[in-house]
Amino acid sequence: MIDSTWKNETGGAVATSSEWRRPLAYRLHILITKDKDGTYSAVVLNLPGVGSCGDTEEEAMENVKEAVHGVLESYKEAGEDIPWKDSSSQKISADQRQVWIIVDV
């Protein structure tokens, strides 16, 4: 098996692709924007309909993680497949930032 390496653009830890695919963990593509009122929005690009906001970027990230947990639990309880989306072609403007995170469920 070829094991590629992923690096978070925020300068976070480097992980091998096998770590990104561990059981009960999901790799999420997050778009972060600073809104006109000074708050931050965090949208999960590869999981349609999931996003959150916060007074700081850190708060927005914590809130979006909580939203992801709730949505994934809802799909699980309903016995539905998770509607993952390919976000690789998503256009990111200069005033936005993207990060990849792993969320354990």
N, C-alpha and C. Protein backbone atom coordinates (compact mmCIF):
# COMPACT_ATOMS: atom_id res chain seq x y z
N MET A 1 0.83 -1.18 0.00
CA MET A 1 0.00 0.00 0.00
C MET A 1 0.88 1.24 0.00
N ILE A 2 0.55 2.19 -0.87
CA ILE A 2 1.27 3.46 -0.89
C ILE A 2 0.68 4.36 0.18
N ASP A 3 1.52 4.96 0.98
CA ASP A 3 1.06 5.78 2.08
C ASP A 3 1.50 7.22 1.84
N SER A 4 0.59 8.05 1.36
CA SER A 4 0.94 9.45 1.11
C SER A 4 0.83 10.24 2.41
N THR A 5 1.33 11.45 2.38
CA THR A 5 1.35 12.28 3.57
C THR A 5 0.48 13.51 3.36
N TRP A 6 -0.28 13.87 4.38
CA TRP A 6 -1.14 15.05 4.35
C TRP A 6 -0.60 16.05 5.36
N LYS A 7 -0.60 17.32 5.00
CA LYS A 7 -0.16 18.36 5.93
C LYS A 7 -1.22 19.44 5.99
N ASN A 8 -1.63 19.78 7.18
CA ASN A 8 -2.60 20.83 7.39
C ASN A 8 -1.97 22.17 7.03
N GLU A 9 -2.67 23.01 6.27
CA GLU A 9 -2.13 24.30 5.86
C GLU A 9 -1.86 25.24 7.02
N THR A 10 -2.40 24.98 8.17
CA THR A 10 -2.17 25.84 9.33
C THR A 10 -0.82 25.55 9.97
N GLY A 11 -0.06 24.62 9.39
CA GLY A 11 1.24 24.29 9.96
C GLY A 11 1.13 23.24 11.04
N GLY A 12 -0.02 22.58 11.12
CA GLY A 12 -0.23 21.56 12.13
C GLY A 12 0.56 20.30 11.84
N ALA A 13 0.23 19.28 12.55
CA ALA A 13 0.95 18.02 12.45
C ALA A 13 0.82 17.39 11.07
N VAL A 14 1.83 16.65 10.70
CA VAL A 14 1.82 15.88 9.46
C VAL A 14 1.29 14.49 9.80
N ALA A 15 0.42 13.97 8.94
CA ALA A 15 -0.14 12.64 9.18
C ALA A 15 -0.09 11.85 7.89
N THR A 16 0.09 10.54 8.01
CA THR A 16 0.07 9.68 6.83
C THR A 16 -1.38 9.44 6.44
N SER A 17 -1.59 9.06 5.19
CA SER A 17 -2.95 8.86 4.70
C SER A 17 -3.67 7.76 5.48
N SER A 18 -2.95 6.77 5.98
CA SER A 18 -3.62 5.72 6.76
C SER A 18 -4.19 6.29 8.06
N GLU A 19 -3.54 7.29 8.65
CA GLU A 19 -4.08 7.93 9.85
C GLU A 19 -5.34 8.72 9.52
N TRP A 20 -5.41 9.27 8.30
CA TRP A 20 -6.58 10.05 7.90
C TRP A 20 -7.77 9.13 7.65
N ARG A 21 -7.55 7.85 7.54
CA ARG A 21 -8.63 6.91 7.24
C ARG A 21 -8.92 5.96 8.39
N ARG A 22 -8.52 6.32 9.59
CA ARG A 22 -8.74 5.40 10.70
C ARG A 22 -10.24 5.23 10.97
N PRO A 23 -10.63 4.09 11.55
CA PRO A 23 -12.05 3.82 11.79
C PRO A 23 -12.67 4.88 12.71
N LEU A 24 -13.92 5.21 12.42
CA LEU A 24 -14.69 6.15 13.22
C LEU A 24 -14.08 7.55 13.27
N ALA A 25 -13.38 7.92 12.24
CA ALA A 25 -12.83 9.27 12.12
C ALA A 25 -13.11 9.75 10.70
N TYR A 26 -13.38 11.03 10.60
CA TYR A 26 -13.70 11.60 9.30
C TYR A 26 -12.80 12.78 9.00
N ARG A 27 -12.36 12.86 7.76
CA ARG A 27 -11.51 13.95 7.29
C ARG A 27 -12.43 15.03 6.70
N LEU A 28 -12.36 16.23 7.26
CA LEU A 28 -13.26 17.30 6.87
C LEU A 28 -12.51 18.48 6.25
N HIS A 29 -13.07 19.02 5.20
CA HIS A 29 -12.51 20.17 4.49
C HIS A 29 -13.31 21.39 4.95
N ILE A 30 -12.68 22.27 5.72
CA ILE A 30 -13.36 23.41 6.34
C ILE A 30 -12.95 24.70 5.64
N LEU A 31 -13.95 25.53 5.32
CA LEU A 31 -13.72 26.86 4.77
C LEU A 31 -14.02 27.87 5.88
N ILE A 32 -13.07 28.75 6.16
CA ILE A 32 -13.23 29.74 7.22
C ILE A 32 -13.24 31.13 6.59
N THR A 33 -14.25 31.91 6.94
CA THR A 33 -14.33 33.28 6.44
C THR A 33 -14.58 34.23 7.60
N LYS A 34 -14.03 35.42 7.48
CA LYS A 34 -14.31 36.47 8.46
C LYS A 34 -15.46 37.29 7.89
N ASP A 35 -16.54 37.38 8.66
CA ASP A 35 -17.73 38.08 8.21
C ASP A 35 -17.60 39.58 8.43
N LYS A 36 -18.46 40.35 7.79
CA LYS A 36 -18.40 41.81 7.86
C LYS A 36 -18.56 42.34 9.29
N ASP A 37 -19.28 41.60 10.13
CA ASP A 37 -19.49 42.04 11.51
C ASP A 37 -18.35 41.64 12.44
N GLY A 38 -17.29 41.04 11.88
CA GLY A 38 -16.12 40.66 12.68
C GLY A 38 -16.17 39.25 13.23
N THR A 39 -17.29 38.55 13.05
CA THR A 39 -17.37 37.16 13.49
C THR A 39 -16.81 36.26 12.40
N TYR A 40 -16.72 34.97 12.68
CA TYR A 40 -16.17 34.01 11.73
C TYR A 40 -17.19 32.93 11.42
N SER A 41 -17.17 32.46 10.19
CA SER A 41 -18.00 31.34 9.75
C SER A 41 -17.10 30.19 9.35
N ALA A 42 -17.53 28.98 9.66
CA ALA A 42 -16.81 27.77 9.28
C ALA A 42 -17.81 26.83 8.61
N VAL A 43 -17.53 26.48 7.36
CA VAL A 43 -18.42 25.63 6.58
C VAL A 43 -17.67 24.38 6.17
N VAL A 44 -18.31 23.22 6.31
CA VAL A 44 -17.71 21.95 5.91
C VAL A 44 -18.00 21.75 4.42
N LEU A 45 -16.96 21.87 3.61
CA LEU A 45 -17.14 21.82 2.15
C LEU A 45 -17.48 20.42 1.65
N ASN A 46 -17.01 19.39 2.34
CA ASN A 46 -17.26 18.03 1.84
C ASN A 46 -18.42 17.34 2.55
N LEU A 47 -19.19 18.09 3.37
CA LEU A 47 -20.40 17.56 4.02
C LEU A 47 -21.48 18.63 3.90
N PRO A 48 -22.29 18.57 2.84
CA PRO A 48 -23.26 19.62 2.54
C PRO A 48 -24.17 19.96 3.72
N GLY A 49 -24.40 21.26 3.88
CA GLY A 49 -25.35 21.74 4.88
C GLY A 49 -24.80 21.89 6.29
N VAL A 50 -23.50 21.65 6.49
CA VAL A 50 -22.95 21.72 7.84
C VAL A 50 -22.03 22.93 7.95
N GLY A 51 -22.29 23.75 8.94
CA GLY A 51 -21.49 24.92 9.19
C GLY A 51 -21.84 25.51 10.53
N SER A 52 -21.08 26.49 10.94
CA SER A 52 -21.34 27.18 12.20
C SER A 52 -20.59 28.49 12.19
N CYS A 53 -20.64 29.22 13.29
CA CYS A 53 -19.96 30.50 13.39
C CYS A 53 -19.50 30.72 14.82
N GLY A 54 -18.75 31.79 15.03
CA GLY A 54 -18.26 32.13 16.36
C GLY A 54 -17.65 33.51 16.36
N ASP A 55 -17.43 34.03 17.54
CA ASP A 55 -16.83 35.35 17.68
C ASP A 55 -15.36 35.35 17.27
N THR A 56 -14.70 34.20 17.38
CA THR A 56 -13.31 34.06 16.97
C THR A 56 -13.22 32.87 16.01
N GLU A 57 -12.10 32.78 15.31
CA GLU A 57 -11.89 31.64 14.41
C GLU A 57 -11.89 30.33 15.20
N GLU A 58 -11.26 30.35 16.36
CA GLU A 58 -11.19 29.15 17.19
C GLU A 58 -12.58 28.71 17.64
N GLU A 59 -13.41 29.69 18.03
CA GLU A 59 -14.78 29.37 18.46
C GLU A 59 -15.60 28.81 17.30
N ALA A 60 -15.43 29.38 16.12
CA ALA A 60 -16.14 28.88 14.94
C ALA A 60 -15.73 27.44 14.64
N MET A 61 -14.45 27.14 14.78
CA MET A 61 -13.98 25.77 14.54
C MET A 61 -14.55 24.79 15.57
N GLU A 62 -14.57 25.18 16.83
CA GLU A 62 -15.14 24.30 17.86
C GLU A 62 -16.63 24.09 17.60
N ASN A 63 -17.33 25.16 17.22
CA ASN A 63 -18.77 25.05 16.95
C ASN A 63 -19.06 24.18 15.73
N VAL A 64 -18.23 24.28 14.69
CA VAL A 64 -18.48 23.46 13.51
C VAL A 64 -18.19 21.99 13.81
N LYS A 65 -17.21 21.71 14.66
CA LYS A 65 -16.95 20.32 15.06
C LYS A 65 -18.17 19.75 15.78
N GLU A 66 -18.76 20.54 16.66
CA GLU A 66 -19.96 20.11 17.38
C GLU A 66 -21.11 19.87 16.40
N ALA A 67 -21.25 20.76 15.41
CA ALA A 67 -22.29 20.59 14.40
C ALA A 67 -22.08 19.30 13.60
N VAL A 68 -20.83 19.00 13.25
CA VAL A 68 -20.51 17.77 12.51
C VAL A 68 -20.92 16.56 13.33
N HIS A 69 -20.58 16.55 14.60
CA HIS A 69 -20.95 15.41 15.46
C HIS A 69 -22.47 15.21 15.46
N GLY A 70 -23.22 16.31 15.57
CA GLY A 70 -24.67 16.21 15.57
C GLY A 70 -25.23 15.68 14.26
N VAL A 71 -24.71 16.18 13.16
CA VAL A 71 -25.19 15.75 11.84
C VAL A 71 -24.85 14.28 11.60
N LEU A 72 -23.62 13.89 11.91
CA LEU A 72 -23.24 12.49 11.70
C LEU A 72 -24.06 11.55 12.57
N GLU A 73 -24.35 11.96 13.79
CA GLU A 73 -25.19 11.15 14.68
C GLU A 73 -26.60 11.03 14.10
N SER A 74 -27.12 12.11 13.52
CA SER A 74 -28.46 12.08 12.92
C SER A 74 -28.51 11.10 11.75
N TYR A 75 -27.49 11.13 10.89
CA TYR A 75 -27.45 10.18 9.77
C TYR A 75 -27.37 8.74 10.29
N LYS A 76 -26.57 8.53 11.31
CA LYS A 76 -26.41 7.19 11.86
C LYS A 76 -27.73 6.69 12.44
N GLU A 77 -28.39 7.53 13.25
CA GLU A 77 -29.66 7.13 13.88
C GLU A 77 -30.75 6.86 12.84
N ALA A 78 -30.72 7.60 11.74
CA ALA A 78 -31.72 7.42 10.68
C ALA A 78 -31.37 6.27 9.74
N GLY A 79 -30.17 5.71 9.90
CA GLY A 79 -29.73 4.62 9.03
C GLY A 79 -29.44 5.09 7.62
N GLU A 80 -29.11 6.36 7.47
CA GLU A 80 -28.85 6.93 6.14
C GLU A 80 -27.35 7.02 5.87
N ASP A 81 -27.02 6.96 4.58
CA ASP A 81 -25.63 7.16 4.17
C ASP A 81 -25.27 8.63 4.34
N ILE A 82 -24.03 8.90 4.68
CA ILE A 82 -23.55 10.27 4.80
C ILE A 82 -23.29 10.79 3.39
N PRO A 83 -23.85 11.96 3.03
CA PRO A 83 -23.73 12.46 1.66
C PRO A 83 -22.42 13.23 1.41
N TRP A 84 -21.30 12.53 1.50
CA TRP A 84 -20.01 13.18 1.29
C TRP A 84 -19.93 13.80 -0.09
N LYS A 85 -19.25 14.90 -0.20
CA LYS A 85 -19.11 15.62 -1.47
C LYS A 85 -17.62 15.79 -1.76
N ASP A 86 -17.27 15.69 -3.03
CA ASP A 86 -15.89 15.96 -3.43
C ASP A 86 -15.68 17.47 -3.43
N SER A 87 -14.83 17.95 -2.56
CA SER A 87 -14.60 19.39 -2.44
C SER A 87 -13.27 19.82 -3.07
N SER A 88 -12.63 18.92 -3.79
CA SER A 88 -11.30 19.21 -4.33
C SER A 88 -11.28 20.34 -5.35
N SER A 89 -12.42 20.58 -6.01
CA SER A 89 -12.44 21.64 -7.02
C SER A 89 -13.04 22.95 -6.48
N GLN A 90 -13.29 23.00 -5.19
CA GLN A 90 -13.86 24.20 -4.57
C GLN A 90 -12.91 25.38 -4.73
N LYS A 91 -13.43 26.49 -5.19
CA LYS A 91 -12.61 27.70 -5.34
C LYS A 91 -12.58 28.45 -4.01
N ILE A 92 -11.38 28.80 -3.58
CA ILE A 92 -11.19 29.51 -2.32
C ILE A 92 -10.64 30.89 -2.66
N SER A 93 -11.31 31.94 -2.22
CA SER A 93 -10.84 33.29 -2.52
C SER A 93 -9.74 33.69 -1.54
N ALA A 94 -9.06 34.78 -1.87
CA ALA A 94 -7.91 35.24 -1.08
C ALA A 94 -8.29 35.63 0.35
N ASP A 95 -9.55 36.02 0.57
CA ASP A 95 -9.97 36.43 1.92
C ASP A 95 -10.55 35.27 2.73
N GLN A 96 -10.47 34.06 2.19
CA GLN A 96 -10.93 32.87 2.89
C GLN A 96 -9.75 31.96 3.18
N ARG A 97 -9.95 31.07 4.14
CA ARG A 97 -8.91 30.12 4.49
C ARG A 97 -9.52 28.74 4.55
N GLN A 98 -8.75 27.73 4.14
CA GLN A 98 -9.22 26.36 4.22
C GLN A 98 -8.30 25.54 5.08
N VAL A 99 -8.88 24.59 5.80
CA VAL A 99 -8.10 23.67 6.61
C VAL A 99 -8.73 22.29 6.47
N TRP A 100 -7.93 21.28 6.66
CA TRP A 100 -8.40 19.89 6.74
C TRP A 100 -8.23 19.45 8.18
N ILE A 101 -9.28 18.85 8.74
CA ILE A 101 -9.20 18.35 10.11
C ILE A 101 -9.73 16.93 10.16
N ILE A 102 -9.39 16.23 11.22
CA ILE A 102 -9.95 14.90 11.47
C ILE A 102 -10.85 15.02 12.69
N VAL A 103 -12.07 14.49 12.57
CA VAL A 103 -13.01 14.49 13.68
C VAL A 103 -13.32 13.05 14.01
N ASP A 104 -13.12 12.68 15.24
CA ASP A 104 -13.47 11.34 15.73
C ASP A 104 -14.91 11.34 16.17
N VAL A 105 -15.62 10.27 15.87
CA VAL A 105 -17.00 10.15 16.31
C VAL A 105 -17.20 8.87 17.10
